[in-house]
Amino acid sequence: MKYAKSWALLFASAMLAVSAQAQKSASDGIAEYRAMLADGNPAELFEAKGEDLWKQKRGPKNVSLEKCDLGKGPGVVKGAFVELPRHFADTNKVQDLESRLVSCMETLQGFNGAEIAKTAFGRGEQANVTALATWIAAESRGMKFNLPNSHQQEKVMYEVGKRLFFMRSGTHDFSCASCHGEDGKRIRLQDLPNLTKNPGDGIGFAAWPAYRVSNGQMWSMQLRLNDCYRQQRFPYPLFGSDATVALGAYMGVNAKGAENIAPAIKR
């Protein structure tokens, strides 16, 4: 009996080791797959389109976006992405990159911001906003996230985002934290980063916008968050909502020091 127990314990230990090695191999395989795909990331096409849209005179006013202030002064793009969302004095709101771009398109070019916000993702001016966001994100590639969090509204949005992150609701009683609230979680072969802290360089908040290989689409952070709500069986919060901006503020502040690799490539 003594020997039987010893062999049972040895067998169980061996199985745990094999299981751990298999998981590690799966993660390594996915990482290698992404690295190979990154050599020809289709996001580069969206980057080129975004740069062209930034410089192109468009809209009812026939003006470019080159005087748009993304937080570092009119027309300054480099370094802006890794400091968003942030408070803007002219709108007196905390805005993320996409909602700020819509404000600039409205004030500088004469577009109807409300109509752009209502347009379906991937269509019309929404597709242009995604391309612009892709290029602007790429201009800060390799830089570290350092969101400002000193203005009262920035502090409020961070706290609202934190509450939303942990709020359980919907038909499945899910929250953002159900998947991204602790270390070591995975779904199928997909590692789930812990977004309550800095998850590491190029992970989570520091990887979007990203090109989705599975559906051949370019996804901004706004679309990523809307789809997370869909997966939780929540209603869509809609483009540029306070909820998505607050979640961006929460994750962005938590990602301080993480290196931006956006636009990345995802499965």
C-alpha atoms as a PDB file:
ATOM      1  CA  MET A   1       0.000   0.000   0.000  1.00  0.00           C
ATOM      2  CA  LYS A   2       2.897   2.289   0.904  1.00  0.00           C
ATOM      3  CA  TYR A   3       4.526   1.789  -2.507  1.00  0.00           C
ATOM      4  CA  ALA A   4       1.197   2.213  -4.294  1.00  0.00           C
ATOM      5  CA  LYS A   5       0.723   5.618  -2.675  1.00  0.00           C
ATOM      6  CA  SER A   6       4.275   6.629  -3.608  1.00  0.00           C
ATOM      7  CA  TRP A   7       3.748   5.707  -7.260  1.00  0.00           C
ATOM      8  CA  ALA A   8       0.416   7.539  -7.259  1.00  0.00           C
ATOM      9  CA  LEU A   9       2.061  10.698  -5.948  1.00  0.00           C
ATOM     10  CA  LEU A  10       4.910  10.365  -8.447  1.00  0.00           C
ATOM     11  CA  PHE A  11       2.468   9.869 -11.322  1.00  0.00           C
ATOM     12  CA  ALA A  12       0.392  12.890 -10.251  1.00  0.00           C
ATOM     13  CA  SER A  13       3.518  15.057 -10.055  1.00  0.00           C
ATOM     14  CA  ALA A  14       4.602  13.913 -13.498  1.00  0.00           C
ATOM     15  CA  MET A  15       1.187  14.721 -14.971  1.00  0.00           C
ATOM     16  CA  LEU A  16       1.257  18.205 -13.458  1.00  0.00           C
ATOM     17  CA  ALA A  17       4.698  18.799 -14.959  1.00  0.00           C
ATOM     18  CA  VAL A  18       3.531  17.602 -18.381  1.00  0.00           C
ATOM     19  CA  SER A  19       0.446  19.812 -18.152  1.00  0.00           C
ATOM     20  CA  ALA A  20       2.533  22.862 -17.235  1.00  0.00           C
ATOM     21  CA  GLN A  21       4.949  22.172 -20.095  1.00  0.00           C
ATOM     22  CA  ALA A  22       2.059  21.790 -22.541  1.00  0.00           C
ATOM     23  CA  GLN A  23       0.592  25.140 -21.473  1.00  0.00           C
ATOM     24  CA  LYS A  24       3.961  26.819 -21.768  1.00  0.00           C
ATOM     25  CA  SER A  25       4.449  25.342 -25.218  1.00  0.00           C
ATOM     26  CA  ALA A  26       1.033  26.560 -26.343  1.00  0.00           C
ATOM     27  CA  SER A  27       1.794  30.090 -25.145  1.00  0.00           C
ATOM     28  CA  ASP A  28       5.215  30.001 -26.792  1.00  0.00           C
ATOM     29  CA  GLY A  29       3.656  28.764 -30.017  1.00  0.00           C
ATOM     30  CA  ILE A  30       1.133  31.596 -30.080  1.00  0.00           C
ATOM     31  CA  ALA A  31       3.910  34.117 -29.405  1.00  0.00           C
ATOM     32  CA  GLU A  32       5.953  32.717 -32.302  1.00  0.00           C
ATOM     33  CA  TYR A  33       2.883  32.804 -34.562  1.00  0.00           C
ATOM     34  CA  ARG A  34       2.286  36.480 -33.749  1.00  0.00           C
ATOM     35  CA  ALA A  35       5.951  37.309 -34.296  1.00  0.00           C
ATOM     36  CA  MET A  36       5.836  35.783 -37.794  1.00  0.00           C
ATOM     37  CA  LEU A  37       2.638  37.635 -38.644  1.00  0.00           C
ATOM     38  CA  ALA A  38       4.034  40.934 -37.358  1.00  0.00           C
ATOM     39  CA  ASP A  39       6.590  40.973 -40.187  1.00  0.00           C
ATOM     40  CA  GLY A  40       3.751  41.775 -42.570  1.00  0.00           C
ATOM     41  CA  ASN A  41       1.226  43.386 -40.238  1.00  0.00           C
ATOM     42  CA  PRO A  42      -1.648  44.747 -42.395  1.00  0.00           C
ATOM     43  CA  ALA A  43      -1.975  47.563 -39.841  1.00  0.00           C
ATOM     44  CA  GLU A  44       0.709  49.317 -41.881  1.00  0.00           C
ATOM     45  CA  LEU A  45      -1.904  49.960 -44.564  1.00  0.00           C
ATOM     46  CA  PHE A  46      -4.148  51.654 -41.991  1.00  0.00           C
ATOM     47  CA  GLU A  47      -1.182  53.665 -40.729  1.00  0.00           C
ATOM     48  CA  ALA A  48      -0.566  55.011 -44.221  1.00  0.00           C
ATOM     49  CA  LYS A  49      -4.240  55.875 -44.635  1.00  0.00           C
ATOM     50  CA  GLY A  50      -4.312  57.596 -41.255  1.00  0.00           C
ATOM     51  CA  GLU A  51      -1.294  59.757 -42.022  1.00  0.00           C
ATOM     52  CA  ASP A  52      -2.874  60.801 -45.318  1.00  0.00           C
ATOM     53  CA  LEU A  53      -6.180  61.643 -43.590  1.00  0.00           C
ATOM     54  CA  TRP A  54      -4.347  63.770 -40.995  1.00  0.00           C
ATOM     55  CA  LYS A  55      -2.786  65.944 -43.708  1.00  0.00           C
ATOM     56  CA  GLN A  56      -5.713  65.922 -46.141  1.00  0.00           C
ATOM     57  CA  LYS A  57      -8.089  68.916 -46.349  1.00  0.00           C
ATOM     58  CA  ARG A  58     -11.551  67.484 -45.774  1.00  0.00           C
ATOM     59  CA  GLY A  59     -15.001  68.177 -44.416  1.00  0.00           C
ATOM     60  CA  PRO A  60     -17.352  71.143 -44.899  1.00  0.00           C
ATOM     61  CA  LYS A  61     -14.544  73.550 -43.940  1.00  0.00           C
ATOM     62  CA  ASN A  62     -11.983  71.871 -46.258  1.00  0.00           C
ATOM     63  CA  VAL A  63      -9.309  71.883 -43.564  1.00  0.00           C
ATOM     64  CA  SER A  64      -6.723  69.299 -42.452  1.00  0.00           C
ATOM     65  CA  LEU A  65      -6.277  67.972 -38.928  1.00  0.00           C
ATOM     66  CA  GLU A  66      -2.752  69.288 -38.639  1.00  0.00           C
ATOM     67  CA  LYS A  67      -3.803  71.820 -35.976  1.00  0.00           C
ATOM     68  CA  CYS A  68      -5.591  69.216 -33.847  1.00  0.00           C
ATOM     69  CA  ASP A  69      -4.361  69.279 -30.246  1.00  0.00           C
ATOM     70  CA  LEU A  70      -4.041  65.749 -28.876  1.00  0.00           C
ATOM     71  CA  GLY A  71      -2.662  66.976 -25.583  1.00  0.00           C
ATOM     72  CA  LYS A  72       0.859  68.035 -26.454  1.00  0.00           C
ATOM     73  CA  GLY A  73       0.018  71.118 -28.487  1.00  0.00           C
ATOM     74  CA  PRO A  74      -1.590  71.760 -31.917  1.00  0.00           C
ATOM     75  CA  GLY A  75      -0.294  69.331 -34.519  1.00  0.00           C
ATOM     76  CA  VAL A  76       2.010  67.404 -32.175  1.00  0.00           C
ATOM     77  CA  VAL A  77       1.457  63.687 -32.653  1.00  0.00           C
ATOM     78  CA  LYS A  78       4.556  61.961 -31.302  1.00  0.00           C
ATOM     79  CA  GLY A  79       4.105  61.021 -27.666  1.00  0.00           C
ATOM     80  CA  ALA A  80       0.414  61.944 -27.537  1.00  0.00           C
ATOM     81  CA  PHE A  81      -0.958  58.392 -27.657  1.00  0.00           C
ATOM     82  CA  VAL A  82       0.827  57.206 -24.511  1.00  0.00           C
ATOM     83  CA  GLU A  83      -0.757  60.053 -22.501  1.00  0.00           C
ATOM     84  CA  LEU A  84      -4.391  59.414 -23.461  1.00  0.00           C
ATOM     85  CA  PRO A  85      -7.120  59.478 -22.125  1.00  0.00           C
ATOM     86  CA  ARG A  86      -6.567  62.880 -20.497  1.00  0.00           C
ATOM     87  CA  HIS A  87      -8.496  66.051 -19.640  1.00  0.00           C
ATOM     88  CA  PHE A  88      -8.842  68.727 -22.330  1.00  0.00           C
ATOM     89  CA  ALA A  89      -9.617  72.289 -21.305  1.00  0.00           C
ATOM     90  CA  ASP A  90     -11.434  73.241 -24.513  1.00  0.00           C
ATOM     91  CA  THR A  91     -14.038  70.482 -24.142  1.00  0.00           C
ATOM     92  CA  ASN A  92     -13.722  70.290 -20.320  1.00  0.00           C
ATOM     93  CA  LYS A  93     -13.848  66.518 -20.652  1.00  0.00           C
ATOM     94  CA  VAL A  94     -11.550  63.551 -20.269  1.00  0.00           C
ATOM     95  CA  GLN A  95     -11.177  62.123 -23.762  1.00  0.00           C
ATOM     96  CA  ASP A  96      -9.449  59.123 -25.285  1.00  0.00           C
ATOM     97  CA  LEU A  97      -7.770  59.237 -28.680  1.00  0.00           C
ATOM     98  CA  GLU A  98     -10.838  58.400 -30.762  1.00  0.00           C
ATOM     99  CA  SER A  99     -13.235  60.779 -29.028  1.00  0.00           C
ATOM    100  CA  ARG A 100     -10.612  63.537 -29.197  1.00  0.00           C
ATOM    101  CA  LEU A 101     -10.195  62.977 -32.921  1.00  0.00           C
ATOM    102  CA  VAL A 102     -13.954  63.327 -33.408  1.00  0.00           C
ATOM    103  CA  SER A 103     -13.853  66.644 -31.513  1.00  0.00           C
ATOM    104  CA  CYS A 104     -11.107  67.887 -33.838  1.00  0.00           C
ATOM    105  CA  MET A 105     -12.984  66.688 -36.913  1.00  0.00           C
ATOM    106  CA  GLU A 106     -16.009  68.613 -35.680  1.00  0.00           C
ATOM    107  CA  THR A 107     -14.329  71.885 -34.678  1.00  0.00           C
ATOM    108  CA  LEU A 108     -11.616  72.066 -37.340  1.00  0.00           C
ATOM    109  CA  GLN A 109     -13.206  70.342 -40.336  1.00  0.00           C
ATOM    110  CA  GLY A 110     -16.905  70.931 -39.711  1.00  0.00           C
ATOM    111  CA  PHE A 111     -17.996  67.289 -39.495  1.00  0.00           C
ATOM    112  CA  ASN A 112     -20.995  66.357 -37.357  1.00  0.00           C
ATOM    113  CA  GLY A 113     -19.453  64.627 -34.357  1.00  0.00           C
ATOM    114  CA  ALA A 114     -22.732  63.091 -33.201  1.00  0.00           C
ATOM    115  CA  GLU A 115     -23.263  61.494 -36.612  1.00  0.00           C
ATOM    116  CA  ILE A 116     -19.739  60.074 -36.633  1.00  0.00           C
ATOM    117  CA  ALA A 117     -20.303  58.592 -33.173  1.00  0.00           C
ATOM    118  CA  LYS A 118     -23.508  56.927 -34.356  1.00  0.00           C
ATOM    119  CA  THR A 119     -21.904  55.426 -37.466  1.00  0.00           C
ATOM    120  CA  ALA A 120     -21.211  51.695 -37.273  1.00  0.00           C
ATOM    121  CA  PHE A 121     -17.625  50.636 -36.576  1.00  0.00           C
ATOM    122  CA  GLY A 122     -15.620  50.114 -39.749  1.00  0.00           C
ATOM    123  CA  ARG A 123     -17.845  52.303 -41.919  1.00  0.00           C
ATOM    124  CA  GLY A 124     -17.709  55.852 -43.199  1.00  0.00           C
ATOM    125  CA  GLU A 125     -15.958  58.337 -40.958  1.00  0.00           C
ATOM    126  CA  GLN A 126     -15.728  55.732 -38.190  1.00  0.00           C
ATOM    127  CA  ALA A 127     -13.328  53.795 -40.425  1.00  0.00           C
ATOM    128  CA  ASN A 128     -11.349  57.001 -40.921  1.00  0.00           C
ATOM    129  CA  VAL A 129     -11.165  57.584 -37.158  1.00  0.00           C
ATOM    130  CA  THR A 130      -9.755  54.064 -36.744  1.00  0.00           C
ATOM    131  CA  ALA A 131      -7.126  54.702 -39.436  1.00  0.00           C
ATOM    132  CA  LEU A 132      -6.164  58.003 -37.812  1.00  0.00           C
ATOM    133  CA  ALA A 133      -5.895  56.323 -34.406  1.00  0.00           C
ATOM    134  CA  THR A 134      -3.712  53.579 -35.912  1.00  0.00           C
ATOM    135  CA  TRP A 135      -1.236  56.067 -37.365  1.00  0.00           C
ATOM    136  CA  ILE A 136      -1.143  58.221 -34.238  1.00  0.00           C
ATOM    137  CA  ALA A 137      -0.547  55.146 -32.057  1.00  0.00           C
ATOM    138  CA  ALA A 138       2.291  54.071 -34.347  1.00  0.00           C
ATOM    139  CA  GLU A 139       3.950  57.476 -33.961  1.00  0.00           C
ATOM    140  CA  SER A 140       4.439  56.677 -30.262  1.00  0.00           C
ATOM    141  CA  ARG A 141       5.554  53.069 -30.753  1.00  0.00           C
ATOM    142  CA  GLY A 142       8.247  52.078 -28.263  1.00  0.00           C
ATOM    143  CA  MET A 143       7.363  54.870 -25.831  1.00  0.00           C
ATOM    144  CA  LYS A 144       6.193  54.222 -22.266  1.00  0.00           C
ATOM    145  CA  PHE A 145       2.651  54.905 -21.103  1.00  0.00           C
ATOM    146  CA  ASN A 146       2.422  57.782 -18.664  1.00  0.00           C
ATOM    147  CA  LEU A 147      -1.151  59.038 -18.433  1.00  0.00           C
ATOM    148  CA  PRO A 148      -1.722  62.250 -16.460  1.00  0.00           C
ATOM    149  CA  ASN A 149      -3.878  61.730 -13.387  1.00  0.00           C
ATOM    150  CA  SER A 150      -3.685  65.028 -11.523  1.00  0.00           C
ATOM    151  CA  HIS A 151      -6.757  66.910 -12.806  1.00  0.00           C
ATOM    152  CA  GLN A 152      -9.873  66.310 -10.723  1.00  0.00           C
ATOM    153  CA  GLN A 153     -11.813  64.964 -13.706  1.00  0.00           C
ATOM    154  CA  GLU A 154      -8.973  62.565 -14.546  1.00  0.00           C
ATOM    155  CA  LYS A 155      -9.093  61.235 -10.983  1.00  0.00           C
ATOM    156  CA  VAL A 156     -12.869  60.866 -11.173  1.00  0.00           C
ATOM    157  CA  MET A 157     -12.718  59.012 -14.496  1.00  0.00           C
ATOM    158  CA  TYR A 158     -10.068  56.664 -13.110  1.00  0.00           C
ATOM    159  CA  GLU A 159     -12.282  55.806 -10.136  1.00  0.00           C
ATOM    160  CA  VAL A 160     -15.357  55.401 -12.366  1.00  0.00           C
ATOM    161  CA  GLY A 161     -13.360  53.125 -14.645  1.00  0.00           C
ATOM    162  CA  LYS A 162     -12.212  51.068 -11.666  1.00  0.00           C
ATOM    163  CA  ARG A 163     -15.789  50.597 -10.467  1.00  0.00           C
ATOM    164  CA  LEU A 164     -16.955  49.639 -13.959  1.00  0.00           C
ATOM    165  CA  PHE A 165     -14.068  47.172 -14.288  1.00  0.00           C
ATOM    166  CA  PHE A 166     -15.232  45.240 -11.223  1.00  0.00           C
ATOM    167  CA  MET A 167     -18.989  45.696 -11.695  1.00  0.00           C
ATOM    168  CA  ARG A 168     -20.729  42.341 -12.244  1.00  0.00           C
ATOM    169  CA  SER A 169     -23.979  42.396 -14.180  1.00  0.00           C
ATOM    170  CA  GLY A 170     -25.766  41.055 -17.235  1.00  0.00           C
ATOM    171  CA  THR A 171     -27.248  37.639 -17.883  1.00  0.00           C
ATOM    172  CA  HIS A 172     -23.957  35.897 -17.072  1.00  0.00           C
ATOM    173  CA  ASP A 173     -22.998  38.013 -14.039  1.00  0.00           C
ATOM    174  CA  PHE A 174     -19.687  38.959 -15.704  1.00  0.00           C
ATOM    175  CA  SER A 175     -17.365  41.890 -15.176  1.00  0.00           C
ATOM    176  CA  CYS A 176     -14.126  42.949 -16.864  1.00  0.00           C
ATOM    177  CA  ALA A 177     -12.373  41.515 -13.818  1.00  0.00           C
ATOM    178  CA  SER A 178     -13.918  38.088 -14.468  1.00  0.00           C
ATOM    179  CA  CYS A 179     -11.285  37.625 -17.181  1.00  0.00           C
ATOM    180  CA  HIS A 180      -8.706  40.301 -16.423  1.00  0.00           C
ATOM    181  CA  GLY A 181      -8.670  40.675 -12.637  1.00  0.00           C
ATOM    182  CA  GLU A 182      -5.906  38.280 -11.587  1.00  0.00           C
ATOM    183  CA  ASP A 183      -2.736  36.583 -12.799  1.00  0.00           C
ATOM    184  CA  GLY A 184      -2.555  33.239 -14.570  1.00  0.00           C
ATOM    185  CA  LYS A 185      -5.945  33.160 -16.270  1.00  0.00           C
ATOM    186  CA  ARG A 186      -6.514  31.880 -19.796  1.00  0.00           C
ATOM    187  CA  ILE A 187      -9.366  31.018 -22.118  1.00  0.00           C
ATOM    188  CA  ARG A 188      -8.673  28.172 -24.499  1.00  0.00           C
ATOM    189  CA  LEU A 189      -5.074  28.925 -25.637  1.00  0.00           C
ATOM    190  CA  GLN A 190      -5.352  32.645 -24.957  1.00  0.00           C
ATOM    191  CA  ASP A 191      -3.534  34.155 -21.986  1.00  0.00           C
ATOM    192  CA  LEU A 192      -5.627  36.782 -20.197  1.00  0.00           C
ATOM    193  CA  PRO A 193      -3.544  39.688 -18.866  1.00  0.00           C
ATOM    194  CA  ASN A 194      -4.222  41.115 -15.435  1.00  0.00           C
ATOM    195  CA  LEU A 195      -5.300  44.684 -16.243  1.00  0.00           C
ATOM    196  CA  THR A 196      -5.607  45.826 -12.626  1.00  0.00           C
ATOM    197  CA  LYS A 197      -1.857  46.546 -12.758  1.00  0.00           C
ATOM    198  CA  ASN A 198       0.879  47.005 -15.353  1.00  0.00           C
ATOM    199  CA  PRO A 199       0.615  43.696 -17.255  1.00  0.00           C
ATOM    200  CA  GLY A 200       3.918  44.230 -19.076  1.00  0.00           C
ATOM    201  CA  ASP A 201       5.206  45.726 -22.299  1.00  0.00           C
ATOM    202  CA  GLY A 202       2.873  45.531 -25.267  1.00  0.00           C
ATOM    203  CA  ILE A 203       0.135  43.678 -23.377  1.00  0.00           C
ATOM    204  CA  GLY A 204      -3.457  44.722 -22.875  1.00  0.00           C
ATOM    205  CA  PHE A 205      -3.911  48.483 -23.112  1.00  0.00           C
ATOM    206  CA  ALA A 206      -0.440  48.866 -24.657  1.00  0.00           C
ATOM    207  CA  ALA A 207      -1.333  46.762 -27.729  1.00  0.00           C
ATOM    208  CA  TRP A 208      -4.428  48.459 -29.176  1.00  0.00           C
ATOM    209  CA  PRO A 209      -5.265  49.495 -31.903  1.00  0.00           C
ATOM    210  CA  ALA A 210      -4.556  46.083 -33.375  1.00  0.00           C
ATOM    211  CA  TYR A 211      -5.242  44.143 -36.579  1.00  0.00           C
ATOM    212  CA  ARG A 212      -7.497  41.118 -35.993  1.00  0.00           C
ATOM    213  CA  VAL A 213      -6.374  38.242 -38.213  1.00  0.00           C
ATOM    214  CA  SER A 214      -9.517  36.212 -37.494  1.00  0.00           C
ATOM    215  CA  ASN A 215     -11.841  38.730 -39.134  1.00  0.00           C
ATOM    216  CA  GLY A 216      -9.466  40.859 -41.199  1.00  0.00           C
ATOM    217  CA  GLN A 217     -10.385  44.052 -39.356  1.00  0.00           C
ATOM    218  CA  MET A 218      -8.532  46.875 -37.687  1.00  0.00           C
ATOM    219  CA  TRP A 219      -9.803  47.361 -34.137  1.00  0.00           C
ATOM    220  CA  SER A 220      -9.374  50.482 -32.056  1.00  0.00           C
ATOM    221  CA  MET A 221      -9.611  50.450 -28.255  1.00  0.00           C
ATOM    222  CA  GLN A 222     -13.179  51.748 -28.541  1.00  0.00           C
ATOM    223  CA  LEU A 223     -14.189  48.717 -30.596  1.00  0.00           C
ATOM    224  CA  ARG A 224     -12.208  46.367 -28.338  1.00  0.00           C
ATOM    225  CA  LEU A 225     -14.116  47.609 -25.277  1.00  0.00           C
ATOM    226  CA  ASN A 226     -17.481  47.505 -27.026  1.00  0.00           C
ATOM    227  CA  ASP A 227     -16.822  43.891 -28.014  1.00  0.00           C
ATOM    228  CA  CYS A 228     -15.831  43.038 -24.438  1.00  0.00           C
ATOM    229  CA  TYR A 229     -19.216  44.334 -23.330  1.00  0.00           C
ATOM    230  CA  ARG A 230     -20.859  42.189 -26.004  1.00  0.00           C
ATOM    231  CA  GLN A 231     -19.047  39.113 -24.707  1.00  0.00           C
ATOM    232  CA  GLN A 232     -20.284  39.922 -21.193  1.00  0.00           C
ATOM    233  CA  ARG A 233     -23.833  40.061 -22.634  1.00  0.00           C
ATOM    234  CA  PHE A 234     -24.060  43.769 -21.841  1.00  0.00           C
ATOM    235  CA  PRO A 235     -25.644  46.304 -24.216  1.00  0.00           C
ATOM    236  CA  TYR A 236     -23.134  48.197 -26.350  1.00  0.00           C
ATOM    237  CA  PRO A 237     -22.020  51.358 -24.493  1.00  0.00           C
ATOM    238  CA  LEU A 238     -21.670  53.095 -27.901  1.00  0.00           C
ATOM    239  CA  PHE A 239     -18.718  54.989 -29.349  1.00  0.00           C
ATOM    240  CA  GLY A 240     -16.992  57.544 -27.135  1.00  0.00           C
ATOM    241  CA  SER A 241     -19.224  56.875 -24.139  1.00  0.00           C
ATOM    242  CA  ASP A 242     -18.112  57.977 -20.678  1.00  0.00           C
ATOM    243  CA  ALA A 243     -17.970  54.280 -19.742  1.00  0.00           C
ATOM    244  CA  THR A 244     -15.392  53.335 -22.385  1.00  0.00           C
ATOM    245  CA  VAL A 245     -13.307  56.461 -21.763  1.00  0.00           C
ATOM    246  CA  ALA A 246     -13.356  55.775 -18.002  1.00  0.00           C
ATOM    247  CA  LEU A 247     -12.237  52.179 -18.548  1.00  0.00           C
ATOM    248  CA  GLY A 248      -9.475  53.463 -20.820  1.00  0.00           C
ATOM    249  CA  ALA A 249      -8.370  55.883 -18.103  1.00  0.00           C
ATOM    250  CA  TYR A 250      -8.314  53.093 -15.509  1.00  0.00           C
ATOM    251  CA  MET A 251      -6.355  50.644 -17.666  1.00  0.00           C
ATOM    252  CA  GLY A 252      -4.095  53.359 -19.075  1.00  0.00           C
ATOM    253  CA  VAL A 253      -3.044  54.678 -15.666  1.00  0.00           C
ATOM    254  CA  ASN A 254      -2.466  51.088 -14.501  1.00  0.00           C
ATOM    255  CA  ALA A 255      -0.277  50.498 -17.553  1.00  0.00           C
ATOM    256  CA  LYS A 256       2.194  53.211 -16.542  1.00  0.00           C
ATOM    257  CA  GLY A 257       5.667  52.255 -17.710  1.00  0.00           C
ATOM    258  CA  ALA A 258       4.482  49.669 -20.220  1.00  0.00           C
ATOM    259  CA  GLU A 259       5.938  49.960 -23.715  1.00  0.00           C
ATOM    260  CA  ASN A 260       3.510  50.765 -26.522  1.00  0.00           C
ATOM    261  CA  ILE A 261       3.660  48.276 -29.414  1.00  0.00           C
ATOM    262  CA  ALA A 262       0.465  49.480 -31.120  1.00  0.00           C
ATOM    263  CA  PRO A 263      -0.666  48.888 -33.731  1.00  0.00           C
ATOM    264  CA  ALA A 264      -0.235  45.237 -32.828  1.00  0.00           C
ATOM    265  CA  ILE A 265      -1.570  42.073 -34.444  1.00  0.00           C
ATOM    266  CA  LYS A 266      -4.044  39.743 -32.767  1.00  0.00           C
ATOM    267  CA  ARG A 267      -5.580  36.373 -33.546  1.00  0.00           C
END
